[in-house]
């Protein structure tokens, strides 16, 4: 579960910082999400809700409020992970893989194949890791337009998937400090 959350954040950072994908204006973002986790052994998906806030490339907050409270906060080079009522744990060393996508476009292109298709008035992106041998992630499907992403599906090699549907998205405006 923790690795899937980290992979989820990996895709979100990729989504936010890739020149070729929808990108929030001024690197500022507030969005709420509904998430659905699907697995072979589940009769129905596990539903979740939460929000993501970004203020520049070094301040990022992912909060899942349901079904279990999970926080991942990035401030500069420091990344903190907190689950439930537990203590926040510094996962900076482990989490830098999650944020390597802040790198230049050449680095992103070295690690992922990205394709783009038009669907009505929206764009569909398929993002596939090039090194699939060591990846749990099979591919990512993103639907978005301009600076807003509407949905993201992460497909895993074990045939599970996570779907995020974004709503109330605001880009370009500096988020309230209360989130950080």
N, C-alpha and C. Protein backbone atom coordinates (compact mmCIF):
# COMPACT_ATOMS: atom_id res chain seq x y z
N UNK A 1 0.83 -1.19 0.00
CA UNK A 1 0.00 0.00 0.00
C UNK A 1 0.88 1.26 0.00
N UNK A 2 1.91 1.26 0.85
CA UNK A 2 2.80 2.41 0.94
C UNK A 2 3.50 2.64 -0.40
N UNK A 3 3.92 1.55 -1.05
CA UNK A 3 4.60 1.70 -2.34
C UNK A 3 3.64 2.24 -3.40
N UNK A 4 2.37 1.88 -3.32
CA UNK A 4 1.41 2.38 -4.29
C UNK A 4 1.12 3.86 -4.04
N UNK A 5 1.13 4.29 -2.78
CA UNK A 5 0.98 5.72 -2.49
C UNK A 5 2.18 6.48 -3.03
N UNK A 6 3.37 5.94 -2.83
CA UNK A 6 4.58 6.59 -3.33
C UNK A 6 4.53 6.65 -4.86
N UNK A 7 4.11 5.57 -5.50
CA UNK A 7 3.98 5.59 -6.95
C UNK A 7 2.93 6.60 -7.40
N UNK A 8 1.87 6.72 -6.62
CA UNK A 8 0.84 7.72 -6.93
C UNK A 8 1.43 9.11 -6.91
N UNK A 9 2.22 9.41 -5.90
CA UNK A 9 2.86 10.72 -5.82
C UNK A 9 3.87 10.90 -6.93
N UNK A 10 4.53 9.83 -7.28
CA UNK A 10 5.48 9.89 -8.38
C UNK A 10 4.77 10.36 -9.65
N UNK A 11 3.62 9.76 -9.95
CA UNK A 11 2.90 10.15 -11.14
C UNK A 11 2.41 11.59 -11.02
N UNK A 12 1.95 12.01 -9.85
CA UNK A 12 1.44 13.36 -9.67
C UNK A 12 2.55 14.38 -9.93
N UNK A 13 3.74 14.10 -9.39
CA UNK A 13 4.86 15.01 -9.63
C UNK A 13 5.23 15.03 -11.10
N UNK A 14 5.17 13.88 -11.73
CA UNK A 14 5.45 13.83 -13.16
C UNK A 14 4.42 14.67 -13.91
N UNK A 15 3.18 14.49 -13.55
CA UNK A 15 2.10 15.21 -14.18
C UNK A 15 2.27 16.71 -14.02
N UNK A 16 2.65 17.14 -12.86
CA UNK A 16 2.75 18.55 -12.56
C UNK A 16 3.95 19.19 -13.23
N UNK A 17 5.04 18.48 -13.40
CA UNK A 17 6.27 19.11 -13.84
C UNK A 17 6.74 18.74 -15.23
N UNK A 18 5.98 18.02 -15.96
CA UNK A 18 6.39 17.70 -17.32
C UNK A 18 5.88 18.77 -18.28
N UNK A 19 6.75 19.20 -19.17
CA UNK A 19 6.37 20.20 -20.16
C UNK A 19 5.29 19.66 -21.08
N UNK A 20 5.30 18.38 -21.34
CA UNK A 20 4.38 17.79 -22.30
C UNK A 20 3.01 17.45 -21.72
N UNK A 21 2.86 17.49 -20.43
CA UNK A 21 1.60 17.13 -19.79
C UNK A 21 0.94 18.38 -19.21
N UNK A 22 -0.35 18.31 -18.86
CA UNK A 22 -0.99 19.46 -18.22
C UNK A 22 -0.15 19.92 -17.03
N UNK A 23 0.02 21.21 -16.92
CA UNK A 23 0.92 21.78 -15.91
C UNK A 23 0.25 22.97 -15.25
N UNK A 24 0.21 23.01 -13.90
CA UNK A 24 -0.45 24.15 -13.24
C UNK A 24 0.31 25.47 -13.49
N UNK A 25 -0.45 26.50 -13.73
CA UNK A 25 0.14 27.82 -13.94
C UNK A 25 0.93 28.23 -12.70
N UNK A 26 2.07 28.83 -12.92
CA UNK A 26 2.93 29.35 -11.85
C UNK A 26 3.34 28.29 -10.82
N UNK A 27 3.27 27.01 -11.18
CA UNK A 27 3.59 25.92 -10.25
C UNK A 27 2.74 26.00 -8.98
N UNK A 28 1.53 26.51 -9.10
CA UNK A 28 0.62 26.60 -7.96
C UNK A 28 -0.64 25.78 -8.26
N UNK A 29 -1.05 25.00 -7.27
CA UNK A 29 -2.17 24.08 -7.49
C UNK A 29 -2.91 23.82 -6.20
N UNK A 30 -4.22 23.76 -6.31
CA UNK A 30 -5.08 23.17 -5.28
C UNK A 30 -6.07 22.31 -6.02
N UNK A 31 -6.20 21.05 -5.62
CA UNK A 31 -7.20 20.18 -6.21
C UNK A 31 -7.66 19.17 -5.18
N UNK A 32 -8.91 18.80 -5.29
CA UNK A 32 -9.47 17.74 -4.45
C UNK A 32 -9.59 16.50 -5.32
N UNK A 33 -9.59 15.34 -4.67
CA UNK A 33 -9.70 14.11 -5.46
C UNK A 33 -10.56 13.07 -4.78
N UNK A 34 -11.14 12.24 -5.61
CA UNK A 34 -11.75 10.98 -5.19
C UNK A 34 -10.85 9.91 -5.77
N UNK A 35 -10.54 8.90 -4.98
CA UNK A 35 -9.70 7.83 -5.50
C UNK A 35 -10.39 6.49 -5.32
N UNK A 36 -10.04 5.57 -6.20
CA UNK A 36 -10.60 4.22 -6.17
C UNK A 36 -9.48 3.24 -6.42
N UNK A 37 -9.28 2.32 -5.46
CA UNK A 37 -8.24 1.30 -5.58
C UNK A 37 -8.91 -0.03 -5.91
N UNK A 38 -8.48 -0.60 -7.02
CA UNK A 38 -9.03 -1.86 -7.50
C UNK A 38 -7.97 -2.95 -7.38
N UNK A 39 -8.39 -4.14 -6.95
CA UNK A 39 -7.49 -5.29 -6.89
C UNK A 39 -8.32 -6.55 -7.12
N UNK A 40 -7.68 -7.60 -7.59
CA UNK A 40 -8.38 -8.86 -7.89
C UNK A 40 -9.14 -9.40 -6.69
N UNK A 41 -8.56 -9.27 -5.51
CA UNK A 41 -9.15 -9.88 -4.32
C UNK A 41 -10.25 -9.02 -3.68
N UNK A 42 -10.51 -7.84 -4.21
CA UNK A 42 -11.56 -6.97 -3.67
C UNK A 42 -12.84 -7.12 -4.48
N UNK A 43 -13.97 -7.26 -3.79
CA UNK A 43 -15.24 -7.33 -4.49
C UNK A 43 -15.64 -5.97 -5.04
N UNK A 44 -15.30 -4.92 -4.32
CA UNK A 44 -15.55 -3.57 -4.79
C UNK A 44 -14.33 -2.71 -4.46
N UNK A 45 -14.15 -1.62 -5.18
CA UNK A 45 -12.95 -0.81 -4.95
C UNK A 45 -12.98 -0.12 -3.58
N UNK A 46 -11.79 0.19 -3.10
CA UNK A 46 -11.66 0.99 -1.87
C UNK A 46 -11.69 2.44 -2.29
N UNK A 47 -12.68 3.17 -1.80
CA UNK A 47 -12.83 4.58 -2.16
C UNK A 47 -12.10 5.47 -1.17
N UNK A 48 -11.54 6.54 -1.67
CA UNK A 48 -10.86 7.50 -0.82
C UNK A 48 -11.10 8.92 -1.31
N UNK A 49 -10.79 9.87 -0.45
CA UNK A 49 -10.89 11.28 -0.80
C UNK A 49 -9.70 12.02 -0.23
N UNK A 50 -9.43 13.18 -0.77
CA UNK A 50 -8.34 13.98 -0.26
C UNK A 50 -8.10 15.20 -1.11
N UNK A 51 -6.91 15.79 -0.93
CA UNK A 51 -6.56 16.96 -1.71
C UNK A 51 -5.05 17.05 -1.88
N UNK A 52 -4.66 17.84 -2.89
CA UNK A 52 -3.24 18.07 -3.20
C UNK A 52 -3.05 19.58 -3.30
N UNK A 53 -1.97 20.06 -2.69
CA UNK A 53 -1.65 21.48 -2.75
C UNK A 53 -0.18 21.61 -3.14
N UNK A 54 0.09 22.56 -4.02
CA UNK A 54 1.46 22.79 -4.47
C UNK A 54 1.71 24.28 -4.54
N UNK A 55 2.86 24.69 -4.01
CA UNK A 55 3.28 26.09 -4.08
C UNK A 55 4.75 26.09 -4.50
N UNK A 56 4.98 26.19 -5.79
CA UNK A 56 6.34 26.09 -6.30
C UNK A 56 6.77 24.63 -6.37
N UNK A 57 8.00 24.41 -6.79
CA UNK A 57 8.49 23.05 -6.97
C UNK A 57 8.93 22.39 -5.67
N UNK A 58 9.12 23.17 -4.61
CA UNK A 58 9.64 22.59 -3.37
C UNK A 58 8.61 22.48 -2.25
N UNK A 59 7.39 22.92 -2.47
CA UNK A 59 6.35 22.81 -1.43
C UNK A 59 5.15 22.07 -2.01
N UNK A 60 4.94 20.87 -1.50
CA UNK A 60 3.94 19.97 -2.05
C UNK A 60 3.29 19.22 -0.90
N UNK A 61 1.96 19.12 -0.91
CA UNK A 61 1.23 18.41 0.13
C UNK A 61 0.21 17.48 -0.52
N UNK A 62 0.24 16.22 -0.12
CA UNK A 62 -0.75 15.22 -0.53
C UNK A 62 -1.43 14.76 0.76
N UNK A 63 -2.73 14.99 0.87
CA UNK A 63 -3.48 14.57 2.06
C UNK A 63 -4.63 13.68 1.60
N UNK A 64 -4.62 12.44 2.07
CA UNK A 64 -5.77 11.56 1.86
C UNK A 64 -6.53 11.58 3.18
N UNK A 65 -7.80 11.98 3.14
CA UNK A 65 -8.59 12.10 4.36
C UNK A 65 -9.42 10.85 4.66
N UNK A 66 -9.78 10.10 3.63
CA UNK A 66 -10.56 8.87 3.82
C UNK A 66 -10.04 7.84 2.84
N UNK A 67 -10.07 6.56 3.10
CA UNK A 67 -10.59 5.89 4.29
C UNK A 67 -9.63 5.97 5.48
N UNK A 68 -8.39 6.24 5.21
CA UNK A 68 -7.38 6.37 6.26
C UNK A 68 -6.61 7.66 6.01
N UNK A 69 -6.34 8.39 7.07
CA UNK A 69 -5.61 9.64 6.94
C UNK A 69 -4.14 9.36 6.60
N UNK A 70 -3.70 9.91 5.46
CA UNK A 70 -2.30 9.78 5.03
C UNK A 70 -1.84 11.16 4.60
N UNK A 71 -0.66 11.54 5.07
CA UNK A 71 -0.07 12.83 4.66
C UNK A 71 1.32 12.59 4.11
N UNK A 72 1.61 13.25 3.00
CA UNK A 72 2.97 13.30 2.48
C UNK A 72 3.24 14.76 2.19
N UNK A 73 4.26 15.29 2.83
CA UNK A 73 4.59 16.71 2.70
C UNK A 73 6.03 16.86 2.25
N UNK A 74 6.23 17.68 1.23
CA UNK A 74 7.57 18.00 0.76
C UNK A 74 7.80 19.48 0.98
N UNK A 75 8.88 19.78 1.67
CA UNK A 75 9.27 21.17 1.88
C UNK A 75 10.77 21.23 1.62
N UNK A 76 11.16 21.77 0.49
CA UNK A 76 12.56 21.76 0.09
C UNK A 76 13.00 20.33 -0.20
N UNK A 77 14.08 19.90 0.44
CA UNK A 77 14.58 18.54 0.26
C UNK A 77 14.01 17.55 1.26
N UNK A 78 13.20 18.03 2.16
CA UNK A 78 12.67 17.18 3.23
C UNK A 78 11.27 16.67 2.88
N UNK A 79 11.07 15.35 3.02
CA UNK A 79 9.79 14.72 2.74
C UNK A 79 9.35 13.96 4.00
N UNK A 80 8.15 14.29 4.47
CA UNK A 80 7.61 13.65 5.67
C UNK A 80 6.38 12.82 5.29
N UNK A 81 6.26 11.64 5.93
CA UNK A 81 5.15 10.72 5.69
C UNK A 81 4.48 10.45 7.02
N UNK A 82 3.15 10.55 7.04
CA UNK A 82 2.40 10.28 8.27
C UNK A 82 1.15 9.49 7.91
N UNK A 83 0.90 8.44 8.69
CA UNK A 83 -0.27 7.58 8.46
C UNK A 83 -1.10 7.56 9.73
N UNK A 84 -2.39 7.83 9.60
CA UNK A 84 -3.28 7.82 10.75
C UNK A 84 -2.84 8.81 11.80
N UNK A 85 -2.87 8.37 13.07
CA UNK A 85 -2.45 9.22 14.18
C UNK A 85 -0.98 9.03 14.52
N UNK A 86 -0.26 8.30 13.70
CA UNK A 86 1.15 8.02 13.97
C UNK A 86 2.01 9.27 13.86
N UNK A 87 3.23 9.10 14.27
CA UNK A 87 4.21 10.18 14.18
C UNK A 87 4.64 10.35 12.72
N UNK A 88 4.93 11.57 12.34
CA UNK A 88 5.46 11.83 11.01
C UNK A 88 6.88 11.28 10.94
N UNK A 89 7.20 10.63 9.83
CA UNK A 89 8.50 10.02 9.64
C UNK A 89 9.18 10.71 8.46
N UNK A 90 10.45 11.01 8.64
CA UNK A 90 11.23 11.61 7.56
C UNK A 90 11.60 10.51 6.57
N UNK A 91 11.10 10.61 5.36
CA UNK A 91 11.37 9.61 4.33
C UNK A 91 12.14 10.24 3.16
N UNK A 92 12.87 11.30 3.47
CA UNK A 92 13.56 12.06 2.42
C UNK A 92 14.48 11.18 1.58
N UNK A 93 15.27 10.32 2.21
CA UNK A 93 16.20 9.47 1.46
C UNK A 93 15.45 8.53 0.54
N UNK A 94 14.40 7.93 1.05
CA UNK A 94 13.61 6.98 0.30
C UNK A 94 12.73 7.68 -0.74
N UNK A 95 12.27 8.85 -0.42
CA UNK A 95 11.28 9.52 -1.26
C UNK A 95 11.88 10.32 -2.40
N UNK A 96 13.18 10.47 -2.44
CA UNK A 96 13.74 11.27 -3.52
C UNK A 96 13.45 10.62 -4.88
N UNK A 97 13.29 9.29 -4.92
CA UNK A 97 12.87 8.64 -6.16
C UNK A 97 11.50 9.18 -6.59
N UNK A 98 10.68 9.51 -5.61
CA UNK A 98 9.35 10.01 -5.87
C UNK A 98 9.43 11.39 -6.54
N UNK A 99 10.44 12.15 -6.21
CA UNK A 99 10.54 13.53 -6.69
C UNK A 99 11.62 13.73 -7.75
N UNK A 100 12.20 12.63 -8.26
CA UNK A 100 13.23 12.80 -9.28
C UNK A 100 12.64 13.44 -10.53
N UNK A 101 11.33 13.43 -10.64
CA UNK A 101 10.69 13.99 -11.82
C UNK A 101 10.68 15.51 -11.84
N UNK A 102 11.27 16.13 -10.82
CA UNK A 102 11.47 17.57 -10.86
C UNK A 102 12.65 17.90 -11.77
N UNK A 103 13.30 16.87 -12.27
CA UNK A 103 14.47 17.03 -13.13
C UNK A 103 14.09 17.64 -14.47
N UNK A 104 15.09 17.85 -15.28
CA UNK A 104 14.89 18.41 -16.62
C UNK A 104 14.12 17.44 -17.51
N UNK A 105 13.53 17.96 -18.57
CA UNK A 105 12.74 17.16 -19.49
C UNK A 105 13.55 16.00 -20.07
N UNK A 106 14.85 16.20 -20.31
CA UNK A 106 15.69 15.12 -20.84
C UNK A 106 15.71 13.93 -19.89
N UNK A 107 15.77 14.19 -18.59
CA UNK A 107 15.77 13.12 -17.59
C UNK A 107 14.43 12.39 -17.60
N UNK A 108 13.34 13.14 -17.70
CA UNK A 108 12.02 12.52 -17.77
C UNK A 108 11.90 11.63 -19.00
N UNK A 109 12.33 12.15 -20.13
CA UNK A 109 12.25 11.37 -21.37
C UNK A 109 13.15 10.15 -21.33
N UNK A 110 14.22 10.19 -20.55
CA UNK A 110 15.10 9.03 -20.42
C UNK A 110 14.43 7.91 -19.64
N UNK A 111 13.45 8.25 -18.79
CA UNK A 111 12.82 7.25 -17.91
C UNK A 111 11.42 6.83 -18.33
N UNK A 112 10.76 7.63 -19.18
CA UNK A 112 9.37 7.35 -19.55
C UNK A 112 9.16 7.56 -21.04
N UNK A 113 8.27 6.74 -21.60
CA UNK A 113 7.74 6.99 -22.94
C UNK A 113 6.38 7.66 -22.74
N UNK A 114 6.14 8.75 -23.46
CA UNK A 114 4.90 9.51 -23.31
C UNK A 114 4.23 9.61 -24.67
N UNK A 115 2.97 9.20 -24.73
CA UNK A 115 2.21 9.38 -25.96
C UNK A 115 0.97 10.22 -25.65
N UNK A 116 0.49 10.93 -26.67
CA UNK A 116 -0.65 11.84 -26.49
C UNK A 116 -1.67 11.59 -27.58
N UNK A 117 -2.94 11.51 -27.19
CA UNK A 117 -4.06 11.34 -28.12
C UNK A 117 -5.12 12.38 -27.78
N UNK A 118 -5.87 12.81 -28.78
CA UNK A 118 -6.99 13.73 -28.55
C UNK A 118 -8.27 12.93 -28.37
N UNK A 119 -9.03 13.28 -27.32
CA UNK A 119 -10.33 12.67 -27.07
C UNK A 119 -11.31 13.82 -26.88
N UNK A 120 -12.19 14.04 -27.84
CA UNK A 120 -13.10 15.19 -27.83
C UNK A 120 -12.28 16.46 -27.65
N UNK A 121 -12.56 17.23 -26.63
CA UNK A 121 -11.82 18.48 -26.40
C UNK A 121 -10.75 18.32 -25.32
N UNK A 122 -10.38 17.07 -25.01
CA UNK A 122 -9.40 16.78 -23.96
C UNK A 122 -8.23 16.01 -24.56
N UNK A 123 -7.18 15.92 -23.79
CA UNK A 123 -6.00 15.15 -24.20
C UNK A 123 -5.85 13.93 -23.31
N UNK A 124 -5.46 12.82 -23.93
CA UNK A 124 -5.16 11.59 -23.20
C UNK A 124 -3.66 11.35 -23.33
N UNK A 125 -3.01 11.12 -22.20
CA UNK A 125 -1.58 10.82 -22.18
C UNK A 125 -1.40 9.41 -21.63
N UNK A 126 -0.53 8.65 -22.25
CA UNK A 126 -0.12 7.35 -21.74
C UNK A 126 1.36 7.47 -21.40
N UNK A 127 1.67 7.21 -20.15
CA UNK A 127 3.03 7.36 -19.64
C UNK A 127 3.50 5.97 -19.21
N UNK A 128 4.56 5.48 -19.84
CA UNK A 128 5.05 4.13 -19.59
C UNK A 128 6.50 4.17 -19.16
N UNK A 129 6.83 3.54 -18.02
CA UNK A 129 8.25 3.49 -17.61
C UNK A 129 9.05 2.70 -18.63
N UNK A 130 10.25 3.17 -18.93
CA UNK A 130 11.12 2.46 -19.87
C UNK A 130 11.76 1.25 -19.24
N UNK A 131 12.07 1.30 -17.95
CA UNK A 131 12.68 0.19 -17.24
C UNK A 131 11.59 -0.60 -16.54
N UNK A 132 10.91 -1.47 -17.28
CA UNK A 132 9.78 -2.20 -16.70
C UNK A 132 10.21 -3.40 -15.86
N UNK A 133 11.46 -3.79 -15.92
CA UNK A 133 11.93 -4.94 -15.16
C UNK A 133 11.80 -4.70 -13.66
N UNK A 134 12.18 -3.54 -13.20
CA UNK A 134 12.16 -3.24 -11.77
C UNK A 134 10.98 -2.38 -11.36
N UNK A 135 9.98 -2.27 -12.19
CA UNK A 135 8.86 -1.40 -11.90
C UNK A 135 7.62 -2.21 -11.54
N UNK A 136 6.93 -1.77 -10.50
CA UNK A 136 5.61 -2.30 -10.18
C UNK A 136 4.57 -1.61 -11.07
N UNK A 137 4.89 -0.42 -11.53
CA UNK A 137 3.99 0.38 -12.35
C UNK A 137 4.06 -0.07 -13.80
N UNK A 138 2.91 -0.41 -14.36
CA UNK A 138 2.83 -0.83 -15.76
C UNK A 138 2.74 0.40 -16.66
N UNK A 139 1.73 1.26 -16.42
CA UNK A 139 1.62 2.52 -17.14
C UNK A 139 0.61 3.42 -16.43
N UNK A 140 0.58 4.69 -16.87
CA UNK A 140 -0.33 5.70 -16.32
C UNK A 140 -1.14 6.27 -17.47
N UNK A 141 -2.43 6.43 -17.24
CA UNK A 141 -3.31 7.07 -18.23
C UNK A 141 -3.84 8.36 -17.62
N UNK A 142 -3.61 9.47 -18.31
CA UNK A 142 -3.97 10.79 -17.80
C UNK A 142 -4.91 11.46 -18.79
N UNK A 143 -6.00 12.03 -18.28
CA UNK A 143 -6.91 12.83 -19.09
C UNK A 143 -6.82 14.25 -18.55
N UNK A 144 -6.54 15.21 -19.43
CA UNK A 144 -6.42 16.59 -18.99
C UNK A 144 -6.57 17.56 -20.12
N UNK A 145 -6.54 18.83 -19.74
CA UNK A 145 -6.66 19.89 -20.73
C UNK A 145 -5.93 21.12 -20.20
N UNK A 146 -5.03 21.64 -21.01
CA UNK A 146 -4.26 22.83 -20.66
C UNK A 146 -3.54 22.65 -19.32
N UNK A 147 -3.96 23.40 -18.29
CA UNK A 147 -3.27 23.34 -17.00
C UNK A 147 -4.04 22.53 -15.96
N UNK A 148 -5.01 21.75 -16.38
CA UNK A 148 -5.84 20.99 -15.44
C UNK A 148 -5.87 19.51 -15.84
N UNK A 149 -5.61 18.65 -14.87
CA UNK A 149 -5.78 17.23 -15.12
C UNK A 149 -7.08 16.80 -14.47
N UNK A 150 -7.85 16.00 -15.19
CA UNK A 150 -9.18 15.61 -14.74
C UNK A 150 -9.21 14.23 -14.11
N UNK A 151 -8.44 13.30 -14.68
CA UNK A 151 -8.38 11.97 -14.09
C UNK A 151 -7.03 11.34 -14.40
N UNK A 152 -6.65 10.42 -13.52
CA UNK A 152 -5.40 9.68 -13.69
C UNK A 152 -5.66 8.26 -13.23
N UNK A 153 -5.23 7.31 -14.06
CA UNK A 153 -5.31 5.90 -13.70
C UNK A 153 -3.90 5.33 -13.71
N UNK A 154 -3.53 4.70 -12.60
CA UNK A 154 -2.25 4.02 -12.50
C UNK A 154 -2.51 2.53 -12.60
N UNK A 155 -1.89 1.88 -13.57
CA UNK A 155 -2.05 0.44 -13.78
C UNK A 155 -0.78 -0.26 -13.32
N UNK A 156 -0.93 -1.30 -12.50
CA UNK A 156 0.20 -2.01 -11.93
C UNK A 156 0.34 -3.41 -12.52
N UNK A 157 1.52 -3.95 -12.44
CA UNK A 157 1.79 -5.28 -13.01
C UNK A 157 1.00 -6.39 -12.35
N UNK A 158 0.57 -6.22 -11.12
CA UNK A 158 -0.24 -7.25 -10.44
C UNK A 158 -1.72 -7.14 -10.81
N UNK A 159 -2.03 -6.35 -11.84
CA UNK A 159 -3.38 -6.14 -12.36
C UNK A 159 -4.26 -5.28 -11.46
N UNK A 160 -3.69 -4.66 -10.44
CA UNK A 160 -4.45 -3.70 -9.66
C UNK A 160 -4.34 -2.34 -10.33
N UNK A 161 -5.19 -1.41 -9.91
CA UNK A 161 -5.10 -0.05 -10.44
C UNK A 161 -5.65 0.93 -9.42
N UNK A 162 -5.23 2.18 -9.58
CA UNK A 162 -5.75 3.28 -8.76
C UNK A 162 -6.25 4.34 -9.72
N UNK A 163 -7.46 4.80 -9.50
CA UNK A 163 -8.06 5.85 -10.30
C UNK A 163 -8.23 7.09 -9.42
N UNK A 164 -7.73 8.23 -9.90
CA UNK A 164 -7.94 9.51 -9.23
C UNK A 164 -8.82 10.36 -10.14
N UNK A 165 -9.88 10.93 -9.58
CA UNK A 165 -10.73 11.87 -10.30
C UNK A 165 -10.61 13.20 -9.56
N UNK A 166 -10.16 14.22 -10.27
CA UNK A 166 -9.89 15.52 -9.66
C UNK A 166 -11.06 16.46 -9.86
N UNK A 167 -11.28 17.32 -8.86
CA UNK A 167 -12.38 18.29 -8.92
C UNK A 167 -11.98 19.56 -8.17
N UNK A 168 -12.70 20.62 -8.41
CA UNK A 168 -12.44 21.91 -7.76
C UNK A 168 -10.99 22.33 -7.90
N UNK A 169 -10.43 22.12 -9.07
CA UNK A 169 -9.02 22.41 -9.31
C UNK A 169 -8.81 23.91 -9.58
N UNK A 170 -7.82 24.47 -8.89
CA UNK A 170 -7.43 25.86 -9.08
C UNK A 170 -5.93 25.87 -9.35
N UNK A 171 -5.52 26.50 -10.46
CA UNK A 171 -4.10 26.64 -10.75
C UNK A 171 -3.78 28.11 -10.93
N UNK A 172 -2.51 28.44 -10.73
CA UNK A 172 -2.05 29.79 -10.97
C UNK A 172 -2.12 30.72 -9.78
N UNK A 173 -2.90 30.38 -8.76
CA UNK A 173 -3.04 31.22 -7.56
C UNK A 173 -2.27 30.60 -6.41
N UNK A 174 -1.55 31.44 -5.69
CA UNK A 174 -0.78 30.96 -4.55
C UNK A 174 -1.73 30.38 -3.50
N UNK A 175 -1.51 29.12 -3.08
CA UNK A 175 -2.43 28.52 -2.09
C UNK A 175 -2.26 29.13 -0.71
N UNK A 176 -3.27 28.99 0.10
CA UNK A 176 -3.27 29.48 1.47
C UNK A 176 -2.16 28.80 2.28
N UNK A 177 -1.47 29.54 3.09
CA UNK A 177 -0.37 29.02 3.91
C UNK A 177 -0.84 27.95 4.91
N UNK A 178 -2.12 27.92 5.24
CA UNK A 178 -2.62 26.95 6.23
C UNK A 178 -2.35 25.50 5.80
N UNK A 179 -2.18 25.27 4.52
CA UNK A 179 -1.95 23.91 4.03
C UNK A 179 -0.52 23.44 4.30
N UNK A 180 0.39 24.36 4.53
CA UNK A 180 1.78 24.00 4.68
C UNK A 180 2.21 24.06 6.12
